[in-house]
Amino acid sequence: MQPITENRPWGSYTIIDEGVGYKVKRILVNSGHKLSLQYHHRRSEHWTVVQGEATVTVGEVIKKLKIDESVYIPLEEKHALANEGEELMQLIEVQVGDYLEEDDIVRLEDRYGRA
């Protein structure tokens, strides 16, 4: 599989592997940017920080993750990801579910006008 990179207003993601029931992405979030507060009907996600520091929201809990720390986002749980640091933040996301396409995103809040 050839990696596929998509640019977004907050940074980019690259699909680095996928198969039946899973997809693996490398997500880069630029300093000062935040992804939408969202949830998914058909997938859960696991995030592991590999560069920088992430501010993650899962449900009502907000916490900071440093390199080699991770978080699990259950199916249909609202979540968000932000880079409040001064350097690029990078994480590996593993999606698991029966449908893994981008149109399974339900945005609740979005600073880029996509909600």
N, C-alpha and C. Protein backbone atom coordinates (compact mmCIF):
# COMPACT_ATOMS: atom_id res chain seq x y z
N MET A 1 0.84 -1.19 0.00
CA MET A 1 0.00 0.00 0.00
C MET A 1 0.88 1.25 0.00
N GLN A 2 0.55 2.18 -0.88
CA GLN A 2 1.25 3.46 -0.92
C GLN A 2 0.59 4.40 0.09
N PRO A 3 1.38 5.03 1.00
CA PRO A 3 0.77 5.96 1.97
C PRO A 3 0.02 7.10 1.26
N ILE A 4 -1.10 7.51 1.84
CA ILE A 4 -1.94 8.58 1.29
C ILE A 4 -1.97 9.72 2.30
N THR A 5 -1.54 10.93 1.90
CA THR A 5 -1.53 12.08 2.79
C THR A 5 -2.62 13.06 2.39
N GLU A 6 -3.34 13.54 3.39
CA GLU A 6 -4.39 14.55 3.21
C GLU A 6 -4.04 15.77 4.05
N ASN A 7 -4.02 16.95 3.44
CA ASN A 7 -3.78 18.19 4.17
C ASN A 7 -5.10 18.70 4.73
N ARG A 8 -5.04 19.26 5.92
CA ARG A 8 -6.20 19.83 6.60
C ARG A 8 -5.81 21.21 7.14
N PRO A 9 -6.79 22.03 7.57
CA PRO A 9 -6.44 23.37 8.09
C PRO A 9 -5.56 23.31 9.34
N TRP A 10 -5.61 22.21 10.07
CA TRP A 10 -4.86 22.06 11.33
C TRP A 10 -3.52 21.37 11.15
N GLY A 11 -3.26 20.76 9.98
CA GLY A 11 -2.03 20.00 9.73
C GLY A 11 -2.27 18.99 8.63
N SER A 12 -2.00 17.70 8.92
CA SER A 12 -2.22 16.67 7.90
C SER A 12 -2.31 15.30 8.56
N TYR A 13 -2.81 14.34 7.78
CA TYR A 13 -2.73 12.95 8.21
C TYR A 13 -2.31 12.10 7.02
N THR A 14 -1.63 10.99 7.34
CA THR A 14 -1.21 10.03 6.34
C THR A 14 -1.71 8.66 6.74
N ILE A 15 -2.42 8.01 5.82
CA ILE A 15 -2.85 6.63 6.07
C ILE A 15 -1.63 5.76 5.78
N ILE A 16 -1.14 5.08 6.82
CA ILE A 16 0.07 4.28 6.65
C ILE A 16 -0.21 2.78 6.55
N ASP A 17 -1.40 2.36 6.94
CA ASP A 17 -1.79 0.95 6.78
C ASP A 17 -3.29 0.85 6.97
N GLU A 18 -3.90 -0.12 6.32
CA GLU A 18 -5.32 -0.39 6.54
C GLU A 18 -5.63 -1.80 6.08
N GLY A 19 -6.66 -2.36 6.68
CA GLY A 19 -7.12 -3.69 6.34
C GLY A 19 -8.56 -3.83 6.81
N VAL A 20 -9.09 -5.01 6.76
CA VAL A 20 -10.47 -5.24 7.18
C VAL A 20 -10.60 -4.93 8.66
N GLY A 21 -11.39 -3.91 8.99
CA GLY A 21 -11.68 -3.58 10.38
C GLY A 21 -10.69 -2.67 11.07
N TYR A 22 -9.64 -2.19 10.36
CA TYR A 22 -8.69 -1.28 11.00
C TYR A 22 -8.06 -0.33 9.98
N LYS A 23 -7.60 0.82 10.49
CA LYS A 23 -6.85 1.79 9.70
C LYS A 23 -5.85 2.46 10.63
N VAL A 24 -4.63 2.69 10.14
CA VAL A 24 -3.57 3.32 10.92
C VAL A 24 -3.18 4.63 10.23
N LYS A 25 -3.18 5.73 11.00
CA LYS A 25 -2.82 7.04 10.47
C LYS A 25 -1.71 7.67 11.30
N ARG A 26 -0.87 8.44 10.62
CA ARG A 26 0.07 9.35 11.29
C ARG A 26 -0.56 10.73 11.18
N ILE A 27 -0.81 11.36 12.31
CA ILE A 27 -1.48 12.66 12.33
C ILE A 27 -0.48 13.72 12.81
N LEU A 28 -0.34 14.79 12.04
CA LEU A 28 0.51 15.92 12.39
C LEU A 28 -0.38 17.12 12.66
N VAL A 29 -0.23 17.73 13.85
CA VAL A 29 -1.03 18.90 14.21
C VAL A 29 -0.07 20.06 14.45
N ASN A 30 -0.26 21.12 13.67
CA ASN A 30 0.59 22.30 13.79
C ASN A 30 0.37 23.01 15.12
N SER A 31 1.40 23.71 15.57
CA SER A 31 1.35 24.47 16.82
C SER A 31 0.16 25.43 16.81
N GLY A 32 -0.61 25.42 17.91
CA GLY A 32 -1.74 26.33 18.05
C GLY A 32 -3.01 25.88 17.37
N HIS A 33 -3.04 24.68 16.81
CA HIS A 33 -4.21 24.21 16.09
C HIS A 33 -4.95 23.12 16.85
N LYS A 34 -6.21 22.92 16.46
CA LYS A 34 -7.08 21.96 17.14
C LYS A 34 -8.00 21.31 16.12
N LEU A 35 -8.20 20.00 16.26
CA LEU A 35 -9.18 19.30 15.45
C LEU A 35 -10.56 19.51 16.07
N SER A 36 -11.61 19.24 15.32
CA SER A 36 -12.97 19.46 15.80
C SER A 36 -13.32 18.54 16.96
N LEU A 37 -14.25 19.03 17.80
CA LEU A 37 -14.87 18.17 18.81
C LEU A 37 -15.85 17.31 18.03
N GLN A 38 -15.69 15.98 18.12
CA GLN A 38 -16.42 15.08 17.23
C GLN A 38 -16.66 13.74 17.90
N TYR A 39 -17.43 12.90 17.20
CA TYR A 39 -17.55 11.49 17.59
C TYR A 39 -17.82 10.68 16.33
N HIS A 40 -17.76 9.35 16.49
CA HIS A 40 -17.96 8.43 15.37
C HIS A 40 -18.98 7.37 15.77
N HIS A 41 -19.86 7.02 14.87
CA HIS A 41 -20.86 5.98 15.11
C HIS A 41 -20.30 4.57 14.98
N ARG A 42 -19.25 4.41 14.16
CA ARG A 42 -18.89 3.05 13.77
C ARG A 42 -17.43 2.68 14.03
N ARG A 43 -16.70 3.52 14.75
CA ARG A 43 -15.31 3.17 15.05
C ARG A 43 -14.86 3.71 16.40
N SER A 44 -13.91 3.01 16.99
CA SER A 44 -13.18 3.51 18.16
C SER A 44 -11.79 3.91 17.66
N GLU A 45 -11.06 4.64 18.51
CA GLU A 45 -9.72 5.08 18.13
C GLU A 45 -8.77 4.95 19.30
N HIS A 46 -7.51 4.70 18.98
CA HIS A 46 -6.42 4.68 19.95
C HIS A 46 -5.40 5.70 19.47
N TRP A 47 -5.00 6.63 20.33
CA TRP A 47 -4.00 7.64 19.96
C TRP A 47 -2.76 7.45 20.80
N THR A 48 -1.58 7.45 20.17
CA THR A 48 -0.30 7.41 20.87
C THR A 48 0.56 8.56 20.37
N VAL A 49 1.01 9.42 21.29
CA VAL A 49 1.84 10.57 20.93
C VAL A 49 3.27 10.10 20.68
N VAL A 50 3.84 10.53 19.55
CA VAL A 50 5.22 10.18 19.21
C VAL A 50 6.13 11.40 19.08
N GLN A 51 5.54 12.61 19.07
CA GLN A 51 6.32 13.85 19.02
C GLN A 51 5.49 14.96 19.62
N GLY A 52 6.10 15.81 20.43
CA GLY A 52 5.40 16.95 21.01
C GLY A 52 4.49 16.54 22.15
N GLU A 53 3.49 17.38 22.40
CA GLU A 53 2.53 17.14 23.47
C GLU A 53 1.13 17.41 22.95
N ALA A 54 0.19 16.52 23.26
CA ALA A 54 -1.19 16.65 22.80
C ALA A 54 -2.09 17.00 23.97
N THR A 55 -3.05 17.86 23.72
CA THR A 55 -4.13 18.10 24.67
C THR A 55 -5.34 17.36 24.10
N VAL A 56 -5.83 16.37 24.83
CA VAL A 56 -6.92 15.53 24.34
C VAL A 56 -8.14 15.69 25.23
N THR A 57 -9.28 15.69 24.58
CA THR A 57 -10.57 15.68 25.26
C THR A 57 -11.24 14.36 24.92
N VAL A 58 -11.64 13.62 25.95
CA VAL A 58 -12.41 12.39 25.76
C VAL A 58 -13.57 12.48 26.74
N GLY A 59 -14.78 12.62 26.20
CA GLY A 59 -15.94 12.87 27.06
C GLY A 59 -15.78 14.22 27.74
N GLU A 60 -15.83 14.24 29.05
CA GLU A 60 -15.68 15.48 29.81
C GLU A 60 -14.26 15.65 30.36
N VAL A 61 -13.37 14.71 30.09
CA VAL A 61 -12.01 14.73 30.63
C VAL A 61 -11.06 15.36 29.61
N ILE A 62 -10.26 16.33 30.08
CA ILE A 62 -9.23 16.95 29.26
C ILE A 62 -7.89 16.66 29.93
N LYS A 63 -6.93 16.13 29.15
CA LYS A 63 -5.61 15.87 29.73
C LYS A 63 -4.52 16.06 28.69
N LYS A 64 -3.29 16.20 29.17
CA LYS A 64 -2.12 16.35 28.32
C LYS A 64 -1.45 14.99 28.18
N LEU A 65 -1.05 14.67 26.95
CA LEU A 65 -0.30 13.46 26.68
C LEU A 65 1.06 13.84 26.13
N LYS A 66 2.11 13.21 26.68
CA LYS A 66 3.46 13.42 26.20
C LYS A 66 3.88 12.22 25.34
N ILE A 67 5.09 12.26 24.82
CA ILE A 67 5.61 11.18 23.99
C ILE A 67 5.48 9.85 24.72
N ASP A 68 4.99 8.84 24.01
CA ASP A 68 4.80 7.47 24.48
C ASP A 68 3.61 7.31 25.41
N GLU A 69 2.75 8.32 25.52
CA GLU A 69 1.50 8.19 26.27
C GLU A 69 0.36 8.04 25.28
N SER A 70 -0.70 7.37 25.71
CA SER A 70 -1.80 7.08 24.78
C SER A 70 -3.15 7.22 25.46
N VAL A 71 -4.19 7.22 24.62
CA VAL A 71 -5.56 7.32 25.11
C VAL A 71 -6.45 6.49 24.18
N TYR A 72 -7.52 5.96 24.75
CA TYR A 72 -8.51 5.18 24.00
C TYR A 72 -9.78 6.01 23.90
N ILE A 73 -10.35 6.10 22.71
CA ILE A 73 -11.60 6.81 22.47
C ILE A 73 -12.65 5.78 22.08
N PRO A 74 -13.60 5.48 22.97
CA PRO A 74 -14.62 4.48 22.65
C PRO A 74 -15.57 4.94 21.54
N LEU A 75 -16.23 4.00 20.94
CA LEU A 75 -17.28 4.25 19.96
C LEU A 75 -18.28 5.26 20.51
N GLU A 76 -18.61 6.28 19.71
CA GLU A 76 -19.60 7.32 20.00
C GLU A 76 -19.25 8.23 21.17
N GLU A 77 -17.99 8.25 21.62
CA GLU A 77 -17.56 9.17 22.67
C GLU A 77 -17.04 10.45 22.02
N LYS A 78 -17.49 11.60 22.50
CA LYS A 78 -17.00 12.86 21.92
C LYS A 78 -15.53 13.03 22.30
N HIS A 79 -14.76 13.58 21.35
CA HIS A 79 -13.33 13.73 21.56
C HIS A 79 -12.77 14.86 20.69
N ALA A 80 -11.63 15.38 21.12
CA ALA A 80 -10.94 16.43 20.38
C ALA A 80 -9.45 16.30 20.63
N LEU A 81 -8.68 16.90 19.75
CA LEU A 81 -7.23 16.84 19.81
C LEU A 81 -6.70 18.23 19.52
N ALA A 82 -5.76 18.71 20.36
CA ALA A 82 -5.19 20.04 20.16
C ALA A 82 -3.69 20.01 20.41
N ASN A 83 -2.99 20.92 19.74
CA ASN A 83 -1.56 21.13 19.96
C ASN A 83 -1.40 22.53 20.52
N GLU A 84 -1.28 22.64 21.83
CA GLU A 84 -1.09 23.93 22.49
C GLU A 84 0.38 24.28 22.65
N GLY A 85 1.26 23.38 22.25
CA GLY A 85 2.70 23.60 22.36
C GLY A 85 3.25 24.41 21.21
N GLU A 86 4.56 24.63 21.25
CA GLU A 86 5.21 25.44 20.23
C GLU A 86 5.82 24.62 19.11
N GLU A 87 5.88 23.29 19.28
CA GLU A 87 6.43 22.44 18.23
C GLU A 87 5.34 21.59 17.59
N LEU A 88 5.65 21.03 16.46
CA LEU A 88 4.74 20.13 15.77
C LEU A 88 4.40 18.96 16.69
N MET A 89 3.14 18.55 16.71
CA MET A 89 2.72 17.38 17.48
C MET A 89 2.37 16.27 16.50
N GLN A 90 2.85 15.07 16.79
CA GLN A 90 2.60 13.92 15.92
C GLN A 90 2.09 12.76 16.76
N LEU A 91 1.07 12.10 16.25
CA LEU A 91 0.60 10.90 16.94
C LEU A 91 0.24 9.84 15.92
N ILE A 92 0.17 8.62 16.41
CA ILE A 92 -0.28 7.49 15.61
C ILE A 92 -1.69 7.15 16.08
N GLU A 93 -2.61 7.09 15.14
CA GLU A 93 -4.00 6.77 15.42
C GLU A 93 -4.33 5.41 14.82
N VAL A 94 -4.89 4.54 15.65
CA VAL A 94 -5.38 3.26 15.16
C VAL A 94 -6.89 3.27 15.29
N GLN A 95 -7.57 3.16 14.16
CA GLN A 95 -9.04 3.10 14.13
C GLN A 95 -9.46 1.65 14.02
N VAL A 96 -10.49 1.28 14.78
CA VAL A 96 -11.02 -0.08 14.72
C VAL A 96 -12.54 0.00 14.60
N GLY A 97 -13.10 -0.69 13.63
CA GLY A 97 -14.54 -0.68 13.46
C GLY A 97 -14.95 -1.30 12.13
N ASP A 98 -16.26 -1.34 11.91
CA ASP A 98 -16.75 -1.95 10.68
C ASP A 98 -16.85 -0.97 9.52
N TYR A 99 -16.64 0.34 9.80
CA TYR A 99 -16.66 1.37 8.75
C TYR A 99 -15.69 2.46 9.18
N LEU A 100 -14.72 2.79 8.32
CA LEU A 100 -13.62 3.66 8.73
C LEU A 100 -13.42 4.87 7.82
N GLU A 101 -14.45 5.28 7.11
CA GLU A 101 -14.32 6.41 6.19
C GLU A 101 -14.56 7.74 6.91
N GLU A 102 -14.11 8.82 6.27
CA GLU A 102 -14.19 10.16 6.87
C GLU A 102 -15.63 10.65 7.07
N ASP A 103 -16.60 10.13 6.32
CA ASP A 103 -17.97 10.60 6.48
C ASP A 103 -18.66 10.03 7.73
N ASP A 104 -17.94 9.28 8.56
CA ASP A 104 -18.46 8.85 9.86
C ASP A 104 -18.10 9.83 10.97
N ILE A 105 -17.61 11.01 10.61
CA ILE A 105 -17.30 12.05 11.59
C ILE A 105 -18.55 12.90 11.82
N VAL A 106 -18.97 13.01 13.09
CA VAL A 106 -20.04 13.92 13.48
C VAL A 106 -19.36 15.05 14.25
N ARG A 107 -19.29 16.24 13.64
CA ARG A 107 -18.60 17.37 14.27
C ARG A 107 -19.59 18.15 15.14
N LEU A 108 -19.18 18.39 16.39
CA LEU A 108 -19.99 19.15 17.33
C LEU A 108 -19.54 20.61 17.40
N GLU A 109 -18.22 20.82 17.32
CA GLU A 109 -17.62 22.16 17.30
C GLU A 109 -16.42 22.10 16.36
N ASP A 110 -16.23 23.20 15.59
CA ASP A 110 -15.09 23.21 14.67
C ASP A 110 -14.69 24.64 14.37
N ARG A 111 -13.46 25.00 14.66
CA ARG A 111 -13.00 26.38 14.44
C ARG A 111 -12.79 26.69 12.96
N TYR A 112 -12.88 25.69 12.10
CA TYR A 112 -12.68 25.90 10.66
C TYR A 112 -13.99 25.90 9.88
N GLY A 113 -15.12 26.00 10.57
CA GLY A 113 -16.42 26.13 9.91
C GLY A 113 -16.97 24.87 9.29
N ARG A 114 -16.55 23.70 9.77
CA ARG A 114 -17.03 22.44 9.19
C ARG A 114 -18.09 21.76 10.01
N ALA A 115 -18.49 22.35 11.15
CA ALA A 115 -19.51 21.70 12.02
C ALA A 115 -20.91 22.02 11.54
